[in-house]
N, C-alpha and C. Protein backbone atom coordinates (compact mmCIF):
# COMPACT_ATOMS: atom_id res chain seq x y z
N UNK A 1 -29.76 18.50 -18.21
CA UNK A 1 -28.43 18.73 -18.72
C UNK A 1 -27.50 17.63 -18.22
N UNK A 2 -26.82 16.97 -19.12
CA UNK A 2 -25.92 15.89 -18.76
C UNK A 2 -24.57 16.48 -18.38
N UNK A 3 -24.08 16.09 -17.21
CA UNK A 3 -22.77 16.57 -16.78
C UNK A 3 -21.71 15.55 -17.14
N UNK A 4 -20.54 16.04 -17.46
CA UNK A 4 -19.43 15.14 -17.76
C UNK A 4 -18.76 14.72 -16.47
N UNK A 5 -17.91 13.73 -16.56
CA UNK A 5 -17.20 13.23 -15.39
C UNK A 5 -16.32 14.30 -14.77
N UNK A 6 -15.69 15.13 -15.60
CA UNK A 6 -14.82 16.17 -15.05
C UNK A 6 -15.62 17.28 -14.39
N UNK A 7 -16.89 17.48 -14.78
CA UNK A 7 -17.74 18.44 -14.08
C UNK A 7 -18.09 17.93 -12.68
N UNK A 8 -18.35 16.62 -12.59
CA UNK A 8 -18.70 16.04 -11.30
C UNK A 8 -17.49 15.90 -10.39
N UNK A 9 -16.35 15.54 -10.96
CA UNK A 9 -15.12 15.34 -10.21
C UNK A 9 -14.01 16.18 -10.85
N UNK A 10 -13.87 17.45 -10.48
CA UNK A 10 -12.86 18.28 -11.14
C UNK A 10 -11.45 17.73 -10.89
N UNK A 11 -10.63 17.80 -11.92
CA UNK A 11 -9.26 17.31 -11.85
C UNK A 11 -8.39 18.41 -11.25
N UNK A 12 -7.46 18.00 -10.38
CA UNK A 12 -6.57 18.97 -9.75
C UNK A 12 -5.74 19.70 -10.80
N UNK A 13 -5.53 20.98 -10.58
CA UNK A 13 -4.76 21.78 -11.53
C UNK A 13 -3.27 21.78 -11.18
N UNK A 14 -2.89 21.30 -10.00
CA UNK A 14 -1.49 21.31 -9.60
C UNK A 14 -0.80 20.02 -10.02
N UNK A 15 0.50 20.08 -10.13
CA UNK A 15 1.30 18.90 -10.49
C UNK A 15 1.15 17.85 -9.41
N UNK A 16 0.91 16.63 -9.82
CA UNK A 16 0.72 15.53 -8.89
C UNK A 16 2.02 15.12 -8.22
N UNK A 17 1.94 14.20 -7.27
CA UNK A 17 3.13 13.76 -6.54
C UNK A 17 4.07 12.96 -7.42
N UNK A 18 5.30 12.89 -6.98
CA UNK A 18 6.32 12.13 -7.70
C UNK A 18 7.36 11.68 -6.71
N UNK A 19 7.84 10.46 -6.85
CA UNK A 19 8.92 10.00 -5.98
C UNK A 19 10.21 10.75 -6.27
N UNK A 20 10.40 11.14 -7.54
CA UNK A 20 11.64 11.80 -7.94
C UNK A 20 11.74 13.22 -7.42
N UNK A 21 10.64 13.91 -7.26
CA UNK A 21 10.65 15.32 -6.88
C UNK A 21 10.74 15.51 -5.36
N UNK A 22 10.77 14.41 -4.61
CA UNK A 22 10.86 14.53 -3.15
C UNK A 22 9.54 14.88 -2.49
N UNK A 23 8.42 14.71 -3.20
CA UNK A 23 7.11 14.98 -2.64
C UNK A 23 6.61 13.69 -1.98
N UNK A 24 6.85 13.55 -0.70
CA UNK A 24 6.56 12.31 0.01
C UNK A 24 5.31 12.47 0.88
N UNK A 25 4.20 12.89 0.30
CA UNK A 25 2.94 13.07 1.02
C UNK A 25 2.15 11.77 0.94
N UNK A 26 2.39 10.86 1.90
CA UNK A 26 1.79 9.53 1.89
C UNK A 26 0.39 9.52 2.49
N UNK A 27 -0.46 8.65 1.97
CA UNK A 27 -1.72 8.29 2.60
C UNK A 27 -1.37 7.08 3.46
N UNK A 28 -1.20 7.31 4.75
CA UNK A 28 -0.64 6.27 5.62
C UNK A 28 -1.56 5.06 5.78
N UNK A 29 -2.86 5.25 5.68
CA UNK A 29 -3.78 4.12 5.76
C UNK A 29 -3.54 3.17 4.59
N UNK A 30 -3.53 3.72 3.36
CA UNK A 30 -3.29 2.89 2.18
C UNK A 30 -1.88 2.30 2.19
N UNK A 31 -0.90 3.06 2.67
CA UNK A 31 0.47 2.56 2.74
C UNK A 31 0.54 1.32 3.63
N UNK A 32 -0.12 1.37 4.79
CA UNK A 32 -0.11 0.21 5.69
C UNK A 32 -0.84 -0.97 5.07
N UNK A 33 -1.99 -0.73 4.42
CA UNK A 33 -2.76 -1.81 3.81
C UNK A 33 -1.96 -2.50 2.72
N UNK A 34 -1.21 -1.73 1.94
CA UNK A 34 -0.45 -2.28 0.82
C UNK A 34 0.87 -2.90 1.27
N UNK A 35 1.54 -2.29 2.25
CA UNK A 35 2.89 -2.72 2.60
C UNK A 35 2.97 -3.76 3.73
N UNK A 36 2.02 -3.76 4.65
CA UNK A 36 2.13 -4.67 5.79
C UNK A 36 2.06 -6.16 5.44
N UNK A 37 1.17 -6.61 4.57
CA UNK A 37 1.15 -8.05 4.27
C UNK A 37 2.48 -8.61 3.75
N UNK A 38 3.16 -7.97 2.78
CA UNK A 38 4.45 -8.52 2.37
C UNK A 38 5.50 -8.47 3.48
N UNK A 39 5.46 -7.42 4.30
CA UNK A 39 6.43 -7.31 5.41
C UNK A 39 6.19 -8.42 6.42
N UNK A 40 4.93 -8.70 6.73
CA UNK A 40 4.60 -9.77 7.68
C UNK A 40 5.04 -11.13 7.12
N UNK A 41 4.81 -11.36 5.83
CA UNK A 41 5.25 -12.62 5.20
C UNK A 41 6.77 -12.75 5.25
N UNK A 42 7.47 -11.67 4.98
CA UNK A 42 8.93 -11.69 5.02
C UNK A 42 9.43 -11.99 6.43
N UNK A 43 8.81 -11.38 7.44
CA UNK A 43 9.20 -11.66 8.83
C UNK A 43 8.94 -13.12 9.18
N UNK A 44 7.83 -13.66 8.70
CA UNK A 44 7.54 -15.08 8.94
C UNK A 44 8.60 -15.98 8.32
N UNK A 45 9.04 -15.66 7.12
CA UNK A 45 10.08 -16.46 6.46
C UNK A 45 11.40 -16.35 7.21
N UNK A 46 11.74 -15.15 7.68
CA UNK A 46 13.00 -14.94 8.41
C UNK A 46 13.00 -15.72 9.71
N UNK A 47 11.87 -15.75 10.41
CA UNK A 47 11.79 -16.45 11.69
C UNK A 47 11.46 -17.93 11.54
N UNK A 48 11.42 -18.45 10.34
CA UNK A 48 11.30 -19.88 10.12
C UNK A 48 9.90 -20.45 10.17
N UNK A 49 8.89 -19.64 9.97
CA UNK A 49 7.52 -20.17 9.90
C UNK A 49 7.41 -20.95 8.60
N UNK A 50 7.05 -22.24 8.68
CA UNK A 50 7.02 -23.04 7.46
C UNK A 50 5.88 -22.64 6.52
N UNK A 51 6.17 -22.72 5.24
CA UNK A 51 5.15 -22.45 4.24
C UNK A 51 4.51 -23.78 3.85
N UNK A 52 3.26 -23.96 4.22
CA UNK A 52 2.54 -25.18 3.92
C UNK A 52 2.07 -25.11 2.46
N UNK A 53 2.20 -26.21 1.74
CA UNK A 53 1.87 -26.23 0.32
C UNK A 53 0.43 -25.79 0.07
N UNK A 54 -0.51 -26.27 0.87
CA UNK A 54 -1.91 -25.90 0.66
C UNK A 54 -2.13 -24.40 0.84
N UNK A 55 -1.43 -23.80 1.79
CA UNK A 55 -1.53 -22.35 1.99
C UNK A 55 -0.99 -21.61 0.78
N UNK A 56 0.12 -22.08 0.24
CA UNK A 56 0.70 -21.47 -0.96
C UNK A 56 -0.27 -21.56 -2.13
N UNK A 57 -0.84 -22.74 -2.36
CA UNK A 57 -1.77 -22.93 -3.47
C UNK A 57 -3.01 -22.05 -3.31
N UNK A 58 -3.56 -21.98 -2.10
CA UNK A 58 -4.73 -21.15 -1.85
C UNK A 58 -4.41 -19.68 -2.11
N UNK A 59 -3.25 -19.22 -1.64
CA UNK A 59 -2.83 -17.84 -1.88
C UNK A 59 -2.66 -17.54 -3.36
N UNK A 60 -2.06 -18.48 -4.08
CA UNK A 60 -1.84 -18.30 -5.52
C UNK A 60 -3.18 -18.24 -6.26
N UNK A 61 -4.09 -19.13 -5.91
CA UNK A 61 -5.40 -19.15 -6.56
C UNK A 61 -6.17 -17.86 -6.26
N UNK A 62 -6.13 -17.40 -5.00
CA UNK A 62 -6.81 -16.15 -4.66
C UNK A 62 -6.19 -14.98 -5.42
N UNK A 63 -4.87 -14.97 -5.54
CA UNK A 63 -4.19 -13.90 -6.30
C UNK A 63 -4.67 -13.88 -7.75
N UNK A 64 -4.78 -15.04 -8.37
CA UNK A 64 -5.22 -15.12 -9.76
C UNK A 64 -6.69 -14.66 -9.90
N UNK A 65 -7.54 -15.06 -8.96
CA UNK A 65 -8.94 -14.66 -9.01
C UNK A 65 -9.08 -13.15 -8.80
N UNK A 66 -8.32 -12.59 -7.85
CA UNK A 66 -8.38 -11.14 -7.60
C UNK A 66 -7.87 -10.36 -8.81
N UNK A 67 -6.82 -10.85 -9.46
CA UNK A 67 -6.30 -10.20 -10.66
C UNK A 67 -7.33 -10.24 -11.78
N UNK A 68 -7.97 -11.37 -11.95
CA UNK A 68 -9.01 -11.50 -12.96
C UNK A 68 -10.20 -10.59 -12.65
N UNK A 69 -10.56 -10.47 -11.37
CA UNK A 69 -11.67 -9.61 -10.98
C UNK A 69 -11.36 -8.14 -11.28
N UNK A 70 -10.12 -7.72 -11.10
CA UNK A 70 -9.74 -6.35 -11.45
C UNK A 70 -9.84 -6.17 -12.95
N UNK A 71 -9.34 -7.15 -13.71
CA UNK A 71 -9.33 -7.03 -15.17
C UNK A 71 -10.74 -7.03 -15.76
N UNK A 72 -11.54 -8.06 -15.43
CA UNK A 72 -12.85 -8.16 -16.06
C UNK A 72 -13.92 -7.36 -15.34
N UNK A 73 -13.72 -7.10 -14.04
CA UNK A 73 -14.72 -6.39 -13.26
C UNK A 73 -14.44 -4.90 -13.18
N UNK A 74 -13.46 -4.52 -12.36
CA UNK A 74 -13.17 -3.11 -12.16
C UNK A 74 -12.88 -2.41 -13.49
N UNK A 75 -12.04 -3.02 -14.32
CA UNK A 75 -11.59 -2.36 -15.55
C UNK A 75 -12.64 -2.41 -16.65
N UNK A 76 -12.99 -3.60 -17.12
CA UNK A 76 -13.86 -3.72 -18.29
C UNK A 76 -15.34 -3.49 -17.97
N UNK A 77 -15.83 -4.08 -16.85
CA UNK A 77 -17.26 -4.01 -16.54
C UNK A 77 -17.66 -2.68 -15.92
N UNK A 78 -16.92 -2.24 -14.90
CA UNK A 78 -17.33 -1.05 -14.17
C UNK A 78 -16.75 0.25 -14.74
N UNK A 79 -15.46 0.28 -15.09
CA UNK A 79 -14.86 1.53 -15.58
C UNK A 79 -15.24 1.83 -17.02
N UNK A 80 -15.15 0.83 -17.90
CA UNK A 80 -15.43 1.07 -19.31
C UNK A 80 -16.85 0.70 -19.73
N UNK A 81 -17.56 -0.03 -18.89
CA UNK A 81 -18.90 -0.52 -19.24
C UNK A 81 -18.88 -1.21 -20.61
N UNK A 82 -17.88 -2.08 -20.80
CA UNK A 82 -17.66 -2.74 -22.09
C UNK A 82 -18.69 -3.84 -22.35
N UNK A 83 -19.32 -4.33 -21.32
CA UNK A 83 -20.32 -5.39 -21.50
C UNK A 83 -21.31 -5.34 -20.34
N UNK A 84 -22.43 -6.02 -20.53
CA UNK A 84 -23.42 -6.16 -19.46
C UNK A 84 -23.31 -7.56 -18.89
N UNK A 85 -23.55 -7.67 -17.59
CA UNK A 85 -23.40 -8.97 -16.95
C UNK A 85 -24.51 -9.18 -15.92
N UNK A 86 -24.69 -10.44 -15.57
CA UNK A 86 -25.66 -10.83 -14.54
C UNK A 86 -25.23 -10.22 -13.20
N UNK A 87 -26.18 -10.00 -12.30
CA UNK A 87 -25.87 -9.40 -11.00
C UNK A 87 -24.84 -10.22 -10.23
N UNK A 88 -24.81 -11.53 -10.43
CA UNK A 88 -23.86 -12.37 -9.71
C UNK A 88 -22.42 -12.10 -10.16
N UNK A 89 -22.24 -11.76 -11.44
CA UNK A 89 -20.90 -11.39 -11.93
C UNK A 89 -20.48 -10.06 -11.32
N UNK A 90 -21.41 -9.12 -11.23
CA UNK A 90 -21.12 -7.84 -10.58
C UNK A 90 -20.67 -8.08 -9.14
N UNK A 91 -21.42 -8.89 -8.42
CA UNK A 91 -21.11 -9.16 -7.02
C UNK A 91 -19.76 -9.86 -6.88
N UNK A 92 -19.52 -10.91 -7.67
CA UNK A 92 -18.28 -11.68 -7.56
C UNK A 92 -17.06 -10.84 -7.90
N UNK A 93 -17.14 -10.05 -8.98
CA UNK A 93 -15.98 -9.24 -9.34
C UNK A 93 -15.75 -8.12 -8.32
N UNK A 94 -16.82 -7.59 -7.74
CA UNK A 94 -16.65 -6.59 -6.69
C UNK A 94 -16.01 -7.20 -5.45
N UNK A 95 -16.47 -8.38 -5.06
CA UNK A 95 -15.96 -9.06 -3.86
C UNK A 95 -14.48 -9.43 -4.02
N UNK A 96 -14.15 -10.10 -5.10
CA UNK A 96 -12.76 -10.54 -5.29
C UNK A 96 -11.85 -9.39 -5.71
N UNK A 97 -12.40 -8.38 -6.39
CA UNK A 97 -11.61 -7.20 -6.72
C UNK A 97 -11.19 -6.44 -5.48
N UNK A 98 -12.06 -6.43 -4.46
CA UNK A 98 -11.69 -5.79 -3.20
C UNK A 98 -10.49 -6.47 -2.55
N UNK A 99 -10.33 -7.76 -2.80
CA UNK A 99 -9.18 -8.49 -2.27
C UNK A 99 -7.87 -8.09 -2.90
N UNK A 100 -7.91 -7.40 -4.02
CA UNK A 100 -6.69 -6.93 -4.67
C UNK A 100 -6.19 -5.63 -4.05
N UNK A 101 -6.93 -5.06 -3.11
CA UNK A 101 -6.55 -3.86 -2.36
C UNK A 101 -6.24 -2.67 -3.27
N UNK A 102 -7.13 -2.42 -4.25
CA UNK A 102 -6.93 -1.28 -5.14
C UNK A 102 -8.01 -0.22 -4.99
N UNK A 103 -8.69 -0.22 -3.88
CA UNK A 103 -9.69 0.81 -3.62
C UNK A 103 -11.09 0.38 -4.04
N UNK A 104 -12.04 1.29 -3.82
CA UNK A 104 -13.43 0.99 -4.15
C UNK A 104 -13.63 1.02 -5.67
N UNK A 105 -14.71 0.42 -6.12
CA UNK A 105 -15.02 0.39 -7.54
C UNK A 105 -15.23 1.80 -8.07
N UNK A 106 -15.96 2.64 -7.35
CA UNK A 106 -16.22 4.01 -7.82
C UNK A 106 -14.93 4.80 -7.90
N UNK A 107 -14.09 4.71 -6.89
CA UNK A 107 -12.81 5.44 -6.88
C UNK A 107 -11.92 4.95 -8.02
N UNK A 108 -11.81 3.63 -8.16
CA UNK A 108 -10.96 3.04 -9.19
C UNK A 108 -11.45 3.43 -10.58
N UNK A 109 -12.75 3.31 -10.82
CA UNK A 109 -13.31 3.64 -12.13
C UNK A 109 -13.15 5.11 -12.48
N UNK A 110 -13.36 5.99 -11.50
CA UNK A 110 -13.20 7.42 -11.75
C UNK A 110 -11.76 7.74 -12.11
N UNK A 111 -10.82 7.24 -11.33
CA UNK A 111 -9.41 7.49 -11.62
C UNK A 111 -9.02 6.91 -12.98
N UNK A 112 -9.55 5.75 -13.30
CA UNK A 112 -9.19 5.10 -14.57
C UNK A 112 -9.72 5.86 -15.77
N UNK A 113 -10.94 6.39 -15.66
CA UNK A 113 -11.49 7.19 -16.76
C UNK A 113 -10.69 8.48 -16.94
N UNK A 114 -10.31 9.11 -15.83
CA UNK A 114 -9.48 10.31 -15.92
C UNK A 114 -8.14 9.95 -16.55
N UNK A 115 -7.59 8.79 -16.20
CA UNK A 115 -6.33 8.33 -16.78
C UNK A 115 -6.45 8.22 -18.30
N UNK A 116 -7.52 7.63 -18.80
CA UNK A 116 -7.69 7.50 -20.25
C UNK A 116 -7.91 8.85 -20.93
N UNK A 117 -8.54 9.77 -20.23
CA UNK A 117 -8.78 11.08 -20.82
C UNK A 117 -7.50 11.91 -20.91
N UNK A 118 -6.59 11.75 -19.95
CA UNK A 118 -5.39 12.59 -19.87
C UNK A 118 -4.12 11.75 -19.78
N UNK A 119 -3.94 10.77 -20.65
CA UNK A 119 -2.80 9.85 -20.57
C UNK A 119 -1.48 10.61 -20.61
N UNK A 120 -0.63 10.32 -19.61
CA UNK A 120 0.73 10.86 -19.48
C UNK A 120 0.81 12.38 -19.51
N UNK A 121 -0.20 13.03 -18.92
CA UNK A 121 -0.14 14.47 -18.70
C UNK A 121 -0.18 14.70 -17.19
N UNK A 122 -0.09 15.96 -16.77
CA UNK A 122 -0.13 16.25 -15.34
C UNK A 122 -1.46 15.90 -14.70
N UNK A 123 -2.52 15.77 -15.49
CA UNK A 123 -3.84 15.43 -14.95
C UNK A 123 -4.06 13.92 -14.83
N UNK A 124 -3.13 13.12 -15.35
CA UNK A 124 -3.24 11.66 -15.30
C UNK A 124 -2.89 11.16 -13.90
N UNK A 125 -3.82 10.45 -13.22
CA UNK A 125 -3.54 9.97 -11.87
C UNK A 125 -2.38 8.97 -11.80
N UNK A 126 -2.11 8.23 -12.88
CA UNK A 126 -1.03 7.24 -12.88
C UNK A 126 0.07 7.63 -13.86
N UNK A 127 0.31 8.90 -14.01
CA UNK A 127 1.22 9.44 -15.01
C UNK A 127 2.57 8.73 -15.00
N UNK A 128 2.91 8.08 -16.11
CA UNK A 128 4.17 7.34 -16.22
C UNK A 128 5.38 8.26 -16.21
N UNK A 129 5.19 9.54 -16.55
CA UNK A 129 6.34 10.46 -16.52
C UNK A 129 6.76 10.80 -15.09
N UNK A 130 5.95 10.42 -14.10
CA UNK A 130 6.32 10.60 -12.70
C UNK A 130 7.23 9.48 -12.20
N UNK A 131 7.48 8.50 -13.04
CA UNK A 131 8.40 7.44 -12.70
C UNK A 131 7.71 6.08 -12.63
N UNK A 132 8.53 5.04 -12.80
CA UNK A 132 8.05 3.66 -12.80
C UNK A 132 7.33 3.32 -11.50
N UNK A 133 7.98 3.62 -10.36
CA UNK A 133 7.42 3.24 -9.07
C UNK A 133 6.13 3.98 -8.78
N UNK A 134 6.04 5.24 -9.19
CA UNK A 134 4.80 5.98 -8.96
C UNK A 134 3.65 5.40 -9.78
N UNK A 135 3.89 5.11 -11.05
CA UNK A 135 2.79 4.64 -11.90
C UNK A 135 2.35 3.23 -11.55
N UNK A 136 3.15 2.46 -10.82
CA UNK A 136 2.76 1.11 -10.44
C UNK A 136 2.33 0.99 -8.98
N UNK A 137 2.92 1.77 -8.09
CA UNK A 137 2.62 1.66 -6.66
C UNK A 137 2.27 3.00 -6.03
N UNK A 138 2.95 4.04 -6.43
CA UNK A 138 2.79 5.34 -5.77
C UNK A 138 1.40 5.91 -5.83
N UNK A 139 0.68 5.68 -6.91
CA UNK A 139 -0.68 6.21 -7.04
C UNK A 139 -1.60 5.66 -5.96
N UNK A 140 -1.27 4.48 -5.42
CA UNK A 140 -2.11 3.90 -4.37
C UNK A 140 -1.77 4.43 -2.99
N UNK A 141 -0.49 4.79 -2.77
CA UNK A 141 -0.06 5.13 -1.41
C UNK A 141 0.21 6.61 -1.19
N UNK A 142 0.20 7.41 -2.26
CA UNK A 142 0.45 8.84 -2.10
C UNK A 142 -0.84 9.62 -2.31
N UNK A 143 -0.94 10.77 -1.67
CA UNK A 143 -2.13 11.63 -1.83
C UNK A 143 -2.07 12.34 -3.15
């Protein structure tokens, strides 16, 4: 008997978190992982740490590669299984996708499939009706 994704991972029946409703139940580990790097960079700029051009270029290139790995790897290859790829593509997109700090491939793919099944309902993990900030950042840092 083939089980569906919702049989394996039941969707919560309660209303999810929202910044607007005052439900501030943070996952502090994810909050630190997501928020500390920009805060550290801002502190460095305030205290006058120079930005070396090569460091900027390397950071920009890594950002572009990580974004591409999320798009072609986590999203199209792993979540939707839109195409088949060589094992090296699987490895590279998994490695660089992890640098985007969006969680594991299994967690990301499961949430994304649930999102497509229940778009903009209470069962949608990234429900846009919970607000702009929740659908872009809150889903990563709130329980």
